Structures are given as C-alpha cells and as structure tokens.
Amino acid sequence: MLLFLVNIWRSLREGEKAGANPWDAPTLEWAVTSPPPPYNFAVIPEVASRHPLWESYLDDEGSGGSILNHGPLLDQGRETLGATALDGEPEVILKMPDDSFAPLVLALLLTGLCYCALKHSWGLDAVSLFARGAAC
C-alpha cells in the first residue's frame, strides 16, 4: 500500500500530463478532449468500423471511412439531428428541451398513487391521480 501511495505522490508531482488519448485506444470515447465538453461531440461522428481511431492502421476492418470531425455543428446547447424515416439521412437540427422537474414530480405522484392503492385509501388515491393528471 505504501508503494502505491508513493507512486501516486510522485506521479502528481513529477509526472507529465496525459493527453486526450494516452494509450492510443481505438474507440470513440478517446476521440474527444480531456476533460470532455458537455456535449461530448460537436459533430455526430459517422462510424464505419469497430475501431474508428485505428482505421489507418488496420486494413481488415472494412473500407475505413469513419468521419469524426465534419458535419452539422451541434454545440449550441441541447441539439440533435433529425433524420428521415426511410433512409436515416440527417435533414434538420432539433432543439431538445431544457431540464425539468416534471419527471421527478410525476414519479413521486405515481409512487403516492400506488401506495394509496395498496393501502385501499381510495380518497387519497383519487387526489393523487388528479394531481398527476394536472402535472402532465
């Protein structure tokens, strides 16, 4: 244990900073900076193989056509791509809703509804059901 603590102390004081992909890993989570931005990828990557960061090294993984840095920019808050239903091609950038307490309130009201039903308290059950309907 002492050797482990000494190693941590020396690494913090004298060790060099690790980059975004210090182990040259092949998967997408190593393609972003460290620490990652809140949106993770500013552009949704198009992945063509199992190891998108190693496509230049591996010839047997297919054509090697992953695109990680080009496409519609999605860094303005909560955005995602809307795609066509038939071919899955992106056609619009959708703005996702902001944070809300509605799921928490609905879960608590549903818990109250189930608890009242188990206790055969039909009056409180009706109140909880009405409150749940009003919260939606």
C-alpha atoms as a PDB file:
ATOM      1  CA  MET A   1       0.000   0.000   0.000  1.00  0.00           C
ATOM      2  CA  LEU A   2       2.875   2.341   0.796  1.00  0.00           C
ATOM      3  CA  LEU A   3       4.379   1.760  -2.649  1.00  0.00           C
ATOM      4  CA  PHE A   4       1.026   2.642  -4.241  1.00  0.00           C
ATOM      5  CA  LEU A   5       0.784   5.908  -2.276  1.00  0.00           C
ATOM      6  CA  VAL A   6       4.384   6.828  -3.142  1.00  0.00           C
ATOM      7  CA  ASN A   7       3.623   6.186  -6.806  1.00  0.00           C
ATOM      8  CA  ILE A   8       0.575   8.488  -6.663  1.00  0.00           C
ATOM      9  CA  TRP A   9       2.582  11.213  -4.907  1.00  0.00           C
ATOM     10  CA  ARG A  10       5.456  11.050  -7.411  1.00  0.00           C
ATOM     11  CA  SER A  11       3.084  10.945 -10.390  1.00  0.00           C
ATOM     12  CA  LEU A  12       1.231  14.042  -9.201  1.00  0.00           C
ATOM     13  CA  ARG A  13       4.423  15.996  -8.523  1.00  0.00           C
ATOM     14  CA  GLU A  14       6.755  14.891 -11.310  1.00  0.00           C
ATOM     15  CA  GLY A  15       4.641  13.079 -13.883  1.00  0.00           C
ATOM     16  CA  GLU A  16       3.788  14.559 -17.246  1.00  0.00           C
ATOM     17  CA  LYS A  17       0.176  15.348 -18.121  1.00  0.00           C
ATOM     18  CA  ALA A  18      -1.669  12.735 -20.152  1.00  0.00           C
ATOM     19  CA  GLY A  19      -3.174  13.814 -23.454  1.00  0.00           C
ATOM     20  CA  ALA A  20      -6.624  13.087 -24.852  1.00  0.00           C
ATOM     21  CA  ASN A  21      -5.716   9.507 -25.883  1.00  0.00           C
ATOM     22  CA  PRO A  22      -2.643   8.466 -23.880  1.00  0.00           C
ATOM     23  CA  TRP A  23      -2.963   4.720 -24.688  1.00  0.00           C
ATOM     24  CA  ASP A  24      -3.797   5.134 -28.392  1.00  0.00           C
ATOM     25  CA  ALA A  25      -7.149   3.430 -27.799  1.00  0.00           C
ATOM     26  CA  PRO A  26      -9.354   2.613 -30.826  1.00  0.00           C
ATOM     27  CA  THR A  27     -12.840   3.659 -29.658  1.00  0.00           C
ATOM     28  CA  LEU A  28     -14.810   6.904 -29.847  1.00  0.00           C
ATOM     29  CA  GLU A  29     -14.668   7.892 -26.174  1.00  0.00           C
ATOM     30  CA  TRP A  30     -10.945   8.568 -26.689  1.00  0.00           C
ATOM     31  CA  ALA A  31     -11.573  10.886 -29.654  1.00  0.00           C
ATOM     32  CA  VAL A  32     -12.713  13.848 -27.508  1.00  0.00           C
ATOM     33  CA  THR A  33     -10.529  16.147 -25.444  1.00  0.00           C
ATOM     34  CA  SER A  34      -9.862  15.512 -21.772  1.00  0.00           C
ATOM     35  CA  PRO A  35     -11.971  16.563 -19.887  1.00  0.00           C
ATOM     36  CA  PRO A  36     -14.739  16.201 -22.472  1.00  0.00           C
ATOM     37  CA  PRO A  37     -17.015  19.141 -23.295  1.00  0.00           C
ATOM     38  CA  PRO A  38     -20.634  18.986 -22.029  1.00  0.00           C
ATOM     39  CA  TYR A  39     -21.954  17.967 -25.450  1.00  0.00           C
ATOM     40  CA  ASN A  40     -19.197  15.318 -25.950  1.00  0.00           C
ATOM     41  CA  PHE A  41     -19.070  15.593 -29.762  1.00  0.00           C
ATOM     42  CA  ALA A  42     -19.771  18.910 -31.501  1.00  0.00           C
ATOM     43  CA  VAL A  43     -20.402  16.889 -34.673  1.00  0.00           C
ATOM     44  CA  ILE A  44     -22.089  13.488 -34.550  1.00  0.00           C
ATOM     45  CA  PRO A  45     -19.473  11.069 -35.915  1.00  0.00           C
ATOM     46  CA  GLU A  46     -20.155   8.648 -38.753  1.00  0.00           C
ATOM     47  CA  VAL A  47     -18.572   5.340 -37.761  1.00  0.00           C
ATOM     48  CA  ALA A  48     -17.637   2.813 -40.451  1.00  0.00           C
ATOM     49  CA  SER A  49     -15.765   0.179 -38.413  1.00  0.00           C
ATOM     50  CA  ARG A  50     -15.378  -1.316 -34.941  1.00  0.00           C
ATOM     51  CA  HIS A  51     -12.181   0.650 -34.307  1.00  0.00           C
ATOM     52  CA  PRO A  52     -12.672   4.111 -35.815  1.00  0.00           C
ATOM     53  CA  LEU A  53      -9.454   5.575 -34.393  1.00  0.00           C
ATOM     54  CA  TRP A  54      -7.334   2.699 -35.761  1.00  0.00           C
ATOM     55  CA  GLU A  55      -8.709   2.630 -39.312  1.00  0.00           C
ATOM     56  CA  SER A  56      -5.438   3.901 -40.757  1.00  0.00           C
ATOM     57  CA  TYR A  57      -3.562   1.012 -39.047  1.00  0.00           C
ATOM     58  CA  LEU A  58      -5.990  -1.840 -39.779  1.00  0.00           C
ATOM     59  CA  ASP A  59      -6.785  -2.960 -43.306  1.00  0.00           C
ATOM     60  CA  ASP A  60      -9.168  -5.802 -42.431  1.00  0.00           C
ATOM     61  CA  GLU A  61     -11.816  -3.658 -40.725  1.00  0.00           C
ATOM     62  CA  GLY A  62     -13.637  -2.692 -43.902  1.00  0.00           C
ATOM     63  CA  SER A  63     -13.288   0.390 -46.045  1.00  0.00           C
ATOM     64  CA  GLY A  64     -12.208   2.657 -43.176  1.00  0.00           C
ATOM     65  CA  GLY A  65     -14.471   5.558 -43.887  1.00  0.00           C
ATOM     66  CA  SER A  66     -15.306   6.952 -40.449  1.00  0.00           C
ATOM     67  CA  ILE A  67     -15.888  10.704 -40.358  1.00  0.00           C
ATOM     68  CA  LEU A  68     -15.341  12.224 -36.924  1.00  0.00           C
ATOM     69  CA  ASN A  69     -14.899  15.967 -37.481  1.00  0.00           C
ATOM     70  CA  HIS A  70     -17.193  17.019 -40.361  1.00  0.00           C
ATOM     71  CA  GLY A  71     -20.939  17.600 -40.430  1.00  0.00           C
ATOM     72  CA  PRO A  72     -23.568  19.859 -38.875  1.00  0.00           C
ATOM     73  CA  LEU A  73     -22.234  21.645 -35.771  1.00  0.00           C
ATOM     74  CA  LEU A  74     -24.239  20.752 -32.616  1.00  0.00           C
ATOM     75  CA  ASP A  75     -22.556  22.838 -29.907  1.00  0.00           C
ATOM     76  CA  GLN A  76     -25.321  25.367 -29.186  1.00  0.00           C
ATOM     77  CA  GLY A  77     -26.854  23.651 -26.159  1.00  0.00           C
ATOM     78  CA  ARG A  78     -29.132  20.651 -26.391  1.00  0.00           C
ATOM     79  CA  GLU A  79     -29.297  19.784 -30.054  1.00  0.00           C
ATOM     80  CA  THR A  80     -29.582  16.586 -32.029  1.00  0.00           C
ATOM     81  CA  LEU A  81     -30.034  15.581 -35.643  1.00  0.00           C
ATOM     82  CA  GLY A  82     -33.451  14.738 -37.022  1.00  0.00           C
ATOM     83  CA  ALA A  83     -33.292  12.077 -39.724  1.00  0.00           C
ATOM     84  CA  THR A  84     -35.639  10.827 -42.398  1.00  0.00           C
ATOM     85  CA  ALA A  85     -37.643   7.739 -41.544  1.00  0.00           C
ATOM     86  CA  LEU A  86     -36.779   5.686 -44.606  1.00  0.00           C
ATOM     87  CA  ASP A  87     -33.050   6.150 -45.158  1.00  0.00           C
ATOM     88  CA  GLY A  88     -31.828   7.724 -41.895  1.00  0.00           C
ATOM     89  CA  GLU A  89     -30.189  10.697 -43.605  1.00  0.00           C
ATOM     90  CA  PRO A  90     -29.931  13.807 -41.392  1.00  0.00           C
ATOM     91  CA  GLU A  91     -32.255  16.567 -42.535  1.00  0.00           C
ATOM     92  CA  VAL A  92     -32.728  19.008 -39.642  1.00  0.00           C
ATOM     93  CA  ILE A  93     -31.133  20.062 -36.341  1.00  0.00           C
ATOM     94  CA  LEU A  94     -33.641  19.656 -33.498  1.00  0.00           C
ATOM     95  CA  LYS A  95     -33.528  21.673 -30.256  1.00  0.00           C
ATOM     96  CA  MET A  96     -34.061  19.375 -27.270  1.00  0.00           C
ATOM     97  CA  PRO A  97     -35.986  20.565 -24.174  1.00  0.00           C
ATOM     98  CA  ASP A  98     -34.203  22.012 -21.166  1.00  0.00           C
ATOM     99  CA  ASP A  99     -34.022  20.391 -17.737  1.00  0.00           C
ATOM    100  CA  SER A 100     -37.318  19.997 -15.924  1.00  0.00           C
ATOM    101  CA  PHE A 101     -38.608  18.772 -12.581  1.00  0.00           C
ATOM    102  CA  ALA A 102     -41.692  17.262 -14.269  1.00  0.00           C
ATOM    103  CA  PRO A 103     -40.333  13.654 -14.409  1.00  0.00           C
ATOM    104  CA  LEU A 104     -39.446  13.777 -10.694  1.00  0.00           C
ATOM    105  CA  VAL A 105     -42.849  15.218  -9.728  1.00  0.00           C
ATOM    106  CA  LEU A 106     -44.665  12.629 -11.859  1.00  0.00           C
ATOM    107  CA  ALA A 107     -42.618   9.794 -10.343  1.00  0.00           C
ATOM    108  CA  LEU A 108     -43.420  10.970  -6.815  1.00  0.00           C
ATOM    109  CA  LEU A 109     -47.117  11.319  -7.624  1.00  0.00           C
ATOM    110  CA  LEU A 110     -47.161   7.859  -9.216  1.00  0.00           C
ATOM    111  CA  THR A 111     -45.470   6.464  -6.110  1.00  0.00           C
ATOM    112  CA  GLY A 112     -48.191   8.098  -3.997  1.00  0.00           C
ATOM    113  CA  LEU A 113     -50.868   6.703  -6.296  1.00  0.00           C
ATOM    114  CA  CYS A 114     -49.511   3.152  -5.970  1.00  0.00           C
ATOM    115  CA  TYR A 115     -49.053   3.465  -2.210  1.00  0.00           C
ATOM    116  CA  CYS A 116     -52.635   4.683  -1.731  1.00  0.00           C
ATOM    117  CA  ALA A 117     -53.930   1.859  -3.926  1.00  0.00           C
ATOM    118  CA  LEU A 118     -52.057  -0.700  -1.813  1.00  0.00           C
ATOM    119  CA  LYS A 119     -53.458   0.793   1.400  1.00  0.00           C
ATOM    120  CA  HIS A 120     -57.002   0.943  -0.063  1.00  0.00           C
ATOM    121  CA  SER A 121     -57.102   4.678   0.588  1.00  0.00           C
ATOM    122  CA  TRP A 122     -59.288   5.487  -2.386  1.00  0.00           C
ATOM    123  CA  GLY A 123     -59.836   9.131  -1.427  1.00  0.00           C
ATOM    124  CA  LEU A 124     -56.118   9.910  -1.385  1.00  0.00           C
ATOM    125  CA  ASP A 125     -55.724   7.751  -4.467  1.00  0.00           C
ATOM    126  CA  ALA A 126     -58.188   9.945  -6.347  1.00  0.00           C
ATOM    127  CA  VAL A 127     -56.389  13.097  -5.167  1.00  0.00           C
ATOM    128  CA  SER A 128     -53.020  11.677  -6.266  1.00  0.00           C
ATOM    129  CA  LEU A 129     -54.453  10.659  -9.624  1.00  0.00           C
ATOM    130  CA  PHE A 130     -55.930  14.137 -10.116  1.00  0.00           C
ATOM    131  CA  ALA A 131     -52.624  15.784  -9.155  1.00  0.00           C
ATOM    132  CA  ARG A 132     -50.780  13.515 -11.579  1.00  0.00           C
ATOM    133  CA  GLY A 133     -53.155  14.463 -14.364  1.00  0.00           C
ATOM    134  CA  ALA A 134     -52.783  18.156 -13.552  1.00  0.00           C
ATOM    135  CA  ALA A 135     -48.964  17.883 -13.524  1.00  0.00           C
ATOM    136  CA  CYS A 136     -48.902  16.488 -17.072  1.00  0.00           C
END
